Amino acid sequence: MSSDIARAYEALTQFLYRAPIGLVQTSLDGTIEMINPMAASLNATQKYVVSNTLTEASWAPTTVISSDVAASVGALKAEGEGAIVVLGSGRLARFLLAAGLVDGLTLFIHPLLLGTGTRLFGDLPDLRRLHLESSNTSAQGSLVLNYRFA
């Protein structure tokens, strides 16, 4: 992984996720093993799982948020420092955008064409202008774009 992308993940202090397909696998003894280069940072980072079905999570340190997501994320923003990152859920990201809880976006663009999929931001009710704060390119050609809302 490029050092720019690694630094982006090392800067995390907490993140929200919902079913991050391809990031984790459970080993036979029940521990979580990362199959991604960002493993060390994610294993050490406080995680919050937004779920309607889970009551607990085995990947420590993890807290499950099962009700009043907007209030819970608002409280995390107010009490914490550092970035709150959403991995693995466009639906959650769209909800947080609509609730006005997103200060900026870091987009990772990888040189891979899939041809199908869901629109990242869905149908936004209003135009949202962004200001590019920084951009970096990895040795593999991935882009890391950091935006703030204008």
N, C-alpha and C. Protein backbone atom coordinates (compact mmCIF):
# COMPACT_ATOMS: atom_id res chain seq x y z
N MET A 1 0.85 -1.17 0.00
CA MET A 1 0.00 0.00 0.00
C MET A 1 0.89 1.23 0.00
N SER A 2 0.49 2.25 -0.73
CA SER A 2 1.31 3.45 -0.78
C SER A 2 1.33 4.11 0.58
N SER A 3 2.39 4.90 0.82
CA SER A 3 2.51 5.57 2.12
C SER A 3 1.40 6.60 2.30
N ASP A 4 0.91 7.24 1.21
CA ASP A 4 -0.18 8.21 1.32
C ASP A 4 -1.46 7.54 1.81
N ILE A 5 -1.77 6.38 1.25
CA ILE A 5 -2.98 5.66 1.68
C ILE A 5 -2.79 5.13 3.09
N ALA A 6 -1.61 4.62 3.40
CA ALA A 6 -1.35 4.11 4.75
C ALA A 6 -1.52 5.22 5.78
N ARG A 7 -1.00 6.42 5.48
CA ARG A 7 -1.14 7.55 6.42
C ARG A 7 -2.61 7.90 6.64
N ALA A 8 -3.42 7.81 5.59
CA ALA A 8 -4.84 8.13 5.72
C ALA A 8 -5.50 7.18 6.72
N TYR A 9 -5.16 5.90 6.67
CA TYR A 9 -5.75 4.95 7.61
C TYR A 9 -5.14 5.05 9.00
N GLU A 10 -3.86 5.36 9.09
CA GLU A 10 -3.22 5.49 10.40
C GLU A 10 -3.76 6.69 11.17
N ALA A 11 -4.31 7.68 10.46
CA ALA A 11 -4.84 8.88 11.10
C ALA A 11 -6.22 8.64 11.71
N LEU A 12 -6.82 7.51 11.45
CA LEU A 12 -8.15 7.24 11.98
C LEU A 12 -8.13 7.13 13.49
N THR A 13 -9.15 7.66 14.13
CA THR A 13 -9.32 7.43 15.56
C THR A 13 -10.55 6.59 15.82
N GLN A 14 -11.48 6.59 14.91
CA GLN A 14 -12.67 5.76 15.03
C GLN A 14 -13.33 5.68 13.66
N PHE A 15 -14.09 4.61 13.44
CA PHE A 15 -14.82 4.55 12.19
C PHE A 15 -16.11 3.78 12.35
N LEU A 16 -17.03 4.10 11.47
CA LEU A 16 -18.33 3.44 11.40
C LEU A 16 -18.31 2.50 10.22
N TYR A 17 -18.95 1.35 10.37
CA TYR A 17 -19.02 0.48 9.21
C TYR A 17 -20.26 -0.38 9.29
N ARG A 18 -20.59 -0.93 8.15
CA ARG A 18 -21.70 -1.87 8.07
C ARG A 18 -21.30 -2.93 7.06
N ALA A 19 -21.06 -4.12 7.52
CA ALA A 19 -20.70 -5.26 6.67
C ALA A 19 -19.60 -4.94 5.67
N PRO A 20 -18.36 -4.70 6.15
CA PRO A 20 -17.29 -4.36 5.21
C PRO A 20 -16.79 -5.58 4.45
N ILE A 21 -17.51 -5.97 3.44
CA ILE A 21 -17.21 -7.15 2.65
C ILE A 21 -15.76 -7.08 2.17
N GLY A 22 -15.03 -8.17 2.33
CA GLY A 22 -13.68 -8.25 1.82
C GLY A 22 -12.62 -7.70 2.76
N LEU A 23 -13.00 -7.12 3.88
CA LEU A 23 -12.01 -6.58 4.79
C LEU A 23 -11.64 -7.58 5.88
N VAL A 24 -12.58 -8.40 6.31
CA VAL A 24 -12.30 -9.27 7.44
C VAL A 24 -12.75 -10.70 7.15
N GLN A 25 -12.12 -11.60 7.85
CA GLN A 25 -12.58 -12.98 7.85
C GLN A 25 -12.41 -13.50 9.28
N THR A 26 -13.24 -14.44 9.67
CA THR A 26 -13.17 -15.00 11.01
C THR A 26 -12.38 -16.30 10.95
N SER A 27 -11.38 -16.42 11.80
CA SER A 27 -10.59 -17.65 11.83
C SER A 27 -11.31 -18.69 12.68
N LEU A 28 -10.80 -19.92 12.68
CA LEU A 28 -11.47 -21.01 13.38
C LEU A 28 -11.61 -20.76 14.88
N ASP A 29 -10.68 -20.01 15.47
CA ASP A 29 -10.78 -19.76 16.91
C ASP A 29 -11.65 -18.55 17.22
N GLY A 30 -12.29 -17.96 16.19
CA GLY A 30 -13.22 -16.86 16.43
C GLY A 30 -12.60 -15.48 16.39
N THR A 31 -11.28 -15.39 16.22
CA THR A 31 -10.66 -14.08 16.15
C THR A 31 -10.80 -13.52 14.73
N ILE A 32 -10.70 -12.22 14.61
CA ILE A 32 -10.82 -11.55 13.33
C ILE A 32 -9.43 -11.40 12.72
N GLU A 33 -9.30 -11.83 11.49
CA GLU A 33 -8.03 -11.69 10.78
C GLU A 33 -8.27 -10.78 9.58
N MET A 34 -7.48 -9.74 9.47
CA MET A 34 -7.62 -8.82 8.37
C MET A 34 -6.95 -9.39 7.13
N ILE A 35 -7.59 -9.24 5.99
CA ILE A 35 -7.02 -9.69 4.72
C ILE A 35 -6.80 -8.48 3.82
N ASN A 36 -6.43 -7.37 4.45
CA ASN A 36 -6.27 -6.11 3.75
C ASN A 36 -5.05 -5.41 4.35
N PRO A 37 -4.32 -4.62 3.56
CA PRO A 37 -3.11 -3.97 4.07
C PRO A 37 -3.34 -2.98 5.21
N MET A 38 -4.57 -2.52 5.41
CA MET A 38 -4.83 -1.55 6.48
C MET A 38 -5.15 -2.24 7.80
N ALA A 39 -4.82 -3.52 7.92
CA ALA A 39 -5.19 -4.34 9.06
C ALA A 39 -4.79 -3.77 10.41
N ALA A 40 -3.53 -3.42 10.57
CA ALA A 40 -3.05 -2.99 11.89
C ALA A 40 -3.80 -1.76 12.38
N SER A 41 -4.00 -0.78 11.50
CA SER A 41 -4.71 0.43 11.91
C SER A 41 -6.15 0.13 12.29
N LEU A 42 -6.84 -0.68 11.50
CA LEU A 42 -8.23 -0.97 11.78
C LEU A 42 -8.40 -1.83 13.03
N ASN A 43 -7.49 -2.76 13.25
CA ASN A 43 -7.60 -3.60 14.45
C ASN A 43 -7.46 -2.78 15.73
N ALA A 44 -6.65 -1.73 15.70
CA ALA A 44 -6.40 -0.92 16.90
C ALA A 44 -7.41 0.22 17.07
N THR A 45 -8.21 0.50 16.06
CA THR A 45 -9.10 1.65 16.05
C THR A 45 -10.46 1.32 16.67
N GLN A 46 -11.01 2.26 17.43
CA GLN A 46 -12.37 2.11 17.94
C GLN A 46 -13.33 2.03 16.76
N LYS A 47 -14.20 1.02 16.77
CA LYS A 47 -15.14 0.81 15.68
C LYS A 47 -16.57 0.90 16.20
N TYR A 48 -17.45 1.42 15.35
CA TYR A 48 -18.88 1.50 15.65
C TYR A 48 -19.61 0.84 14.50
N VAL A 49 -20.39 -0.18 14.81
CA VAL A 49 -21.16 -0.89 13.80
C VAL A 49 -22.60 -0.39 13.87
N VAL A 50 -23.13 0.09 12.75
CA VAL A 50 -24.52 0.50 12.69
C VAL A 50 -25.30 -0.69 12.16
N SER A 51 -26.23 -1.21 12.97
CA SER A 51 -26.95 -2.42 12.59
C SER A 51 -28.33 -2.46 13.23
N ASN A 52 -29.28 -3.01 12.47
CA ASN A 52 -30.62 -3.27 13.01
C ASN A 52 -30.73 -4.66 13.61
N THR A 53 -29.73 -5.50 13.37
CA THR A 53 -29.82 -6.90 13.81
C THR A 53 -28.78 -7.30 14.85
N LEU A 54 -27.58 -6.72 14.80
CA LEU A 54 -26.53 -7.09 15.76
C LEU A 54 -26.78 -6.45 17.12
N THR A 55 -26.44 -7.18 18.17
CA THR A 55 -26.47 -6.60 19.52
C THR A 55 -25.07 -6.50 20.11
N GLU A 56 -24.14 -7.27 19.55
CA GLU A 56 -22.75 -7.19 19.97
C GLU A 56 -21.87 -7.58 18.79
N ALA A 57 -20.60 -7.18 18.87
CA ALA A 57 -19.65 -7.48 17.80
C ALA A 57 -18.41 -8.11 18.43
N SER A 58 -17.81 -9.06 17.72
CA SER A 58 -16.65 -9.77 18.27
C SER A 58 -15.33 -9.09 17.94
N TRP A 59 -15.33 -8.11 17.07
CA TRP A 59 -14.10 -7.45 16.66
C TRP A 59 -13.82 -6.28 17.59
N ALA A 60 -12.92 -6.46 18.56
CA ALA A 60 -12.65 -5.43 19.56
C ALA A 60 -11.69 -4.38 19.01
N PRO A 61 -11.75 -3.16 19.45
CA PRO A 61 -12.81 -2.57 20.25
C PRO A 61 -13.96 -2.07 19.34
N THR A 62 -15.15 -2.61 19.55
CA THR A 62 -16.31 -2.29 18.72
C THR A 62 -17.53 -2.04 19.58
N THR A 63 -18.30 -1.02 19.20
CA THR A 63 -19.58 -0.71 19.83
C THR A 63 -20.66 -0.78 18.76
N VAL A 64 -21.79 -1.40 19.07
CA VAL A 64 -22.90 -1.50 18.13
C VAL A 64 -23.86 -0.33 18.36
N ILE A 65 -24.22 0.37 17.29
CA ILE A 65 -25.23 1.42 17.33
C ILE A 65 -26.46 0.85 16.64
N SER A 66 -27.54 0.70 17.39
CA SER A 66 -28.73 0.08 16.81
C SER A 66 -29.94 0.99 16.80
N SER A 67 -29.84 2.16 17.40
CA SER A 67 -30.98 3.08 17.38
C SER A 67 -30.47 4.52 17.36
N ASP A 68 -31.29 5.40 16.84
CA ASP A 68 -31.00 6.83 16.75
C ASP A 68 -29.57 7.09 16.27
N VAL A 69 -29.31 6.65 15.06
CA VAL A 69 -27.98 6.75 14.48
C VAL A 69 -27.51 8.20 14.41
N ALA A 70 -28.39 9.10 13.98
CA ALA A 70 -28.00 10.51 13.85
C ALA A 70 -27.54 11.07 15.19
N ALA A 71 -28.29 10.81 16.25
CA ALA A 71 -27.90 11.32 17.57
C ALA A 71 -26.60 10.68 18.05
N SER A 72 -26.43 9.40 17.81
CA SER A 72 -25.22 8.70 18.24
C SER A 72 -23.99 9.24 17.51
N VAL A 73 -24.10 9.44 16.20
CA VAL A 73 -22.96 9.96 15.44
C VAL A 73 -22.71 11.41 15.82
N GLY A 74 -23.77 12.18 16.03
CA GLY A 74 -23.60 13.57 16.49
C GLY A 74 -22.85 13.63 17.80
N ALA A 75 -23.16 12.72 18.73
CA ALA A 75 -22.46 12.67 20.01
C ALA A 75 -20.99 12.29 19.82
N LEU A 76 -20.70 11.33 18.92
CA LEU A 76 -19.32 10.95 18.64
C LEU A 76 -18.53 12.13 18.10
N LYS A 77 -19.15 12.89 17.19
CA LYS A 77 -18.47 14.07 16.64
C LYS A 77 -18.19 15.09 17.73
N ALA A 78 -19.13 15.28 18.64
CA ALA A 78 -18.98 16.29 19.69
C ALA A 78 -17.93 15.91 20.73
N GLU A 79 -17.83 14.62 21.04
CA GLU A 79 -16.93 14.21 22.13
C GLU A 79 -15.55 13.77 21.66
N GLY A 80 -15.43 13.35 20.41
CA GLY A 80 -14.16 12.79 19.96
C GLY A 80 -13.31 13.79 19.23
N GLU A 81 -12.09 13.35 18.97
CA GLU A 81 -11.22 14.14 18.11
C GLU A 81 -10.70 13.22 17.04
N GLY A 82 -10.30 13.78 15.93
CA GLY A 82 -9.86 12.97 14.81
C GLY A 82 -11.02 12.71 13.87
N ALA A 83 -10.78 11.85 12.89
CA ALA A 83 -11.77 11.59 11.85
C ALA A 83 -12.68 10.44 12.22
N ILE A 84 -13.93 10.55 11.80
CA ILE A 84 -14.87 9.43 11.83
C ILE A 84 -15.03 9.02 10.37
N VAL A 85 -14.78 7.77 10.07
CA VAL A 85 -14.75 7.29 8.70
C VAL A 85 -15.80 6.21 8.52
N VAL A 86 -16.48 6.24 7.40
CA VAL A 86 -17.45 5.19 7.06
C VAL A 86 -16.81 4.28 6.02
N LEU A 87 -16.74 3.01 6.33
CA LEU A 87 -16.24 2.01 5.39
C LEU A 87 -17.33 0.97 5.15
N GLY A 88 -17.56 0.63 3.92
CA GLY A 88 -18.41 -0.50 3.61
C GLY A 88 -19.90 -0.23 3.55
N SER A 89 -20.34 1.01 3.59
CA SER A 89 -21.78 1.25 3.52
C SER A 89 -22.11 2.58 2.86
N GLY A 90 -22.45 2.50 1.59
CA GLY A 90 -22.92 3.69 0.89
C GLY A 90 -24.23 4.18 1.49
N ARG A 91 -25.06 3.25 1.93
CA ARG A 91 -26.34 3.62 2.54
C ARG A 91 -26.14 4.45 3.80
N LEU A 92 -25.21 4.05 4.65
CA LEU A 92 -24.91 4.80 5.86
C LEU A 92 -24.32 6.16 5.50
N ALA A 93 -23.40 6.19 4.54
CA ALA A 93 -22.80 7.46 4.12
C ALA A 93 -23.87 8.42 3.60
N ARG A 94 -24.81 7.92 2.79
CA ARG A 94 -25.89 8.77 2.27
C ARG A 94 -26.77 9.28 3.40
N PHE A 95 -27.06 8.44 4.38
CA PHE A 95 -27.87 8.86 5.53
C PHE A 95 -27.16 9.98 6.30
N LEU A 96 -25.88 9.81 6.56
CA LEU A 96 -25.13 10.83 7.31
C LEU A 96 -25.01 12.13 6.53
N LEU A 97 -24.87 12.04 5.21
CA LEU A 97 -24.87 13.25 4.37
C LEU A 97 -26.20 13.98 4.49
N ALA A 98 -27.30 13.24 4.37
CA ALA A 98 -28.63 13.85 4.44
C ALA A 98 -28.89 14.46 5.82
N ALA A 99 -28.30 13.88 6.86
CA ALA A 99 -28.50 14.37 8.23
C ALA A 99 -27.56 15.54 8.55
N GLY A 100 -26.70 15.92 7.62
CA GLY A 100 -25.79 17.04 7.85
C GLY A 100 -24.64 16.71 8.79
N LEU A 101 -24.26 15.45 8.87
CA LEU A 101 -23.23 15.02 9.81
C LEU A 101 -21.87 14.79 9.15
N VAL A 102 -21.74 15.14 7.88
CA VAL A 102 -20.49 14.92 7.16
C VAL A 102 -19.81 16.27 6.93
N ASP A 103 -18.57 16.40 7.39
CA ASP A 103 -17.80 17.62 7.21
C ASP A 103 -16.99 17.60 5.93
N GLY A 104 -16.59 16.42 5.51
CA GLY A 104 -15.75 16.30 4.33
C GLY A 104 -15.76 14.88 3.82
N LEU A 105 -15.16 14.68 2.67
CA LEU A 105 -15.10 13.36 2.06
C LEU A 105 -13.67 13.03 1.68
N THR A 106 -13.23 11.83 1.95
CA THR A 106 -11.99 11.30 1.42
C THR A 106 -12.39 10.16 0.50
N LEU A 107 -12.14 10.34 -0.76
CA LEU A 107 -12.51 9.34 -1.75
C LEU A 107 -11.27 8.61 -2.25
N PHE A 108 -11.34 7.30 -2.26
CA PHE A 108 -10.28 6.47 -2.80
C PHE A 108 -10.76 5.99 -4.17
N ILE A 109 -10.05 6.34 -5.20
CA ILE A 109 -10.41 5.92 -6.55
C ILE A 109 -9.34 4.96 -7.03
N HIS A 110 -9.76 3.73 -7.30
CA HIS A 110 -8.83 2.68 -7.71
C HIS A 110 -8.96 2.44 -9.22
N PRO A 111 -7.88 2.11 -9.89
CA PRO A 111 -7.92 1.89 -11.34
C PRO A 111 -8.56 0.54 -11.69
N LEU A 112 -9.88 0.47 -11.51
CA LEU A 112 -10.63 -0.76 -11.72
C LEU A 112 -12.02 -0.39 -12.20
N LEU A 113 -12.46 -0.96 -13.30
CA LEU A 113 -13.81 -0.71 -13.80
C LEU A 113 -14.66 -1.94 -13.56
N LEU A 114 -15.80 -1.76 -12.88
CA LEU A 114 -16.68 -2.88 -12.57
C LEU A 114 -17.84 -2.98 -13.54
N GLY A 115 -18.35 -1.84 -14.02
CA GLY A 115 -19.43 -1.87 -15.00
C GLY A 115 -20.83 -1.86 -14.42
N THR A 116 -21.00 -2.19 -13.15
CA THR A 116 -22.32 -2.17 -12.53
C THR A 116 -22.16 -1.66 -11.10
N GLY A 117 -23.28 -1.39 -10.48
CA GLY A 117 -23.23 -1.01 -9.07
C GLY A 117 -24.19 0.10 -8.74
N THR A 118 -24.22 0.45 -7.47
CA THR A 118 -25.08 1.48 -6.95
C THR A 118 -24.36 2.82 -7.01
N ARG A 119 -25.11 3.88 -7.31
CA ARG A 119 -24.52 5.22 -7.29
C ARG A 119 -24.04 5.52 -5.88
N LEU A 120 -22.85 6.06 -5.78
CA LEU A 120 -22.24 6.30 -4.47
C LEU A 120 -23.09 7.21 -3.60
N PHE A 121 -23.61 8.30 -4.15
CA PHE A 121 -24.34 9.26 -3.34
C PHE A 121 -25.84 9.22 -3.57
N GLY A 122 -26.34 8.30 -4.37
CA GLY A 122 -27.78 8.20 -4.60
C GLY A 122 -28.33 9.48 -5.20
N ASP A 123 -29.57 9.76 -4.90
CA ASP A 123 -30.23 10.97 -5.38
C ASP A 123 -30.15 12.03 -4.30
N LEU A 124 -29.25 12.98 -4.46
CA LEU A 124 -29.11 14.06 -3.49
C LEU A 124 -30.16 15.13 -3.79
N PRO A 125 -30.83 15.65 -2.76
CA PRO A 125 -31.88 16.65 -2.99
C PRO A 125 -31.33 18.00 -3.44
N ASP A 126 -30.11 18.33 -3.06
CA ASP A 126 -29.53 19.63 -3.38
C ASP A 126 -28.10 19.46 -3.88
N LEU A 127 -27.69 20.44 -4.68
CA LEU A 127 -26.31 20.50 -5.14
C LEU A 127 -25.39 20.72 -3.94
N ARG A 128 -24.32 19.95 -3.85
CA ARG A 128 -23.34 20.09 -2.76
C ARG A 128 -21.99 20.37 -3.39
N ARG A 129 -21.48 21.56 -3.23
CA ARG A 129 -20.17 21.92 -3.79
C ARG A 129 -19.07 21.47 -2.84
N LEU A 130 -17.99 20.98 -3.44
CA LEU A 130 -16.84 20.50 -2.69
C LEU A 130 -15.61 21.32 -3.03
N HIS A 131 -14.70 21.42 -2.05
CA HIS A 131 -13.42 22.08 -2.25
C HIS A 131 -12.33 21.02 -2.05
N LEU A 132 -11.49 20.83 -3.06
CA LEU A 132 -10.40 19.86 -2.97
C LEU A 132 -9.31 20.40 -2.06
N GLU A 133 -9.05 19.69 -0.94
CA GLU A 133 -8.00 20.09 -0.02
C GLU A 133 -6.66 19.47 -0.36
N SER A 134 -6.67 18.23 -0.80
CA SER A 134 -5.43 17.56 -1.17
C SER A 134 -5.73 16.36 -2.06
N SER A 135 -4.71 15.94 -2.78
CA SER A 135 -4.82 14.73 -3.60
C SER A 135 -3.46 14.05 -3.63
N ASN A 136 -3.49 12.74 -3.65
CA ASN A 136 -2.27 11.93 -3.70
C ASN A 136 -2.52 10.75 -4.62
N THR A 137 -1.46 10.25 -5.23
CA THR A 137 -1.54 9.10 -6.10
C THR A 137 -0.61 8.02 -5.58
N SER A 138 -1.11 6.79 -5.49
CA SER A 138 -0.28 5.68 -5.04
C SER A 138 0.55 5.15 -6.21
N ALA A 139 1.52 4.33 -5.90
CA ALA A 139 2.36 3.72 -6.94
C ALA A 139 1.54 2.82 -7.86
N GLN A 140 0.41 2.31 -7.36
CA GLN A 140 -0.47 1.45 -8.15
C GLN A 140 -1.50 2.25 -8.95
N GLY A 141 -1.48 3.57 -8.83
CA GLY A 141 -2.39 4.41 -9.60
C GLY A 141 -3.68 4.76 -8.90
N SER A 142 -3.83 4.41 -7.63
CA SER A 142 -5.02 4.79 -6.87
C SER A 142 -4.90 6.26 -6.47
N LEU A 143 -6.03 6.95 -6.45
CA LEU A 143 -6.07 8.35 -6.03
C LEU A 143 -6.71 8.45 -4.66
N VAL A 144 -6.17 9.33 -3.82
CA VAL A 144 -6.77 9.67 -2.54
C VAL A 144 -7.11 11.15 -2.64
N LEU A 145 -8.41 11.46 -2.66
CA LEU A 145 -8.89 12.84 -2.80
C LEU A 145 -9.58 13.28 -1.51
N ASN A 146 -9.10 14.37 -0.93
CA ASN A 146 -9.68 14.90 0.30
C ASN A 146 -10.44 16.17 -0.01
N TYR A 147 -11.75 16.15 0.28
CA TYR A 147 -12.63 17.29 0.02
C TYR A 147 -13.26 17.79 1.29
N ARG A 148 -13.56 19.07 1.34
CA ARG A 148 -14.39 19.70 2.36
C ARG A 148 -15.56 20.32 1.62
N PHE A 149 -16.69 20.45 2.30
CA PHE A 149 -17.83 21.11 1.67
C PHE A 149 -17.54 22.59 1.59
N ALA A 150 -17.81 23.18 0.42
CA ALA A 150 -17.55 24.61 0.19
C ALA A 150 -18.60 25.45 0.88
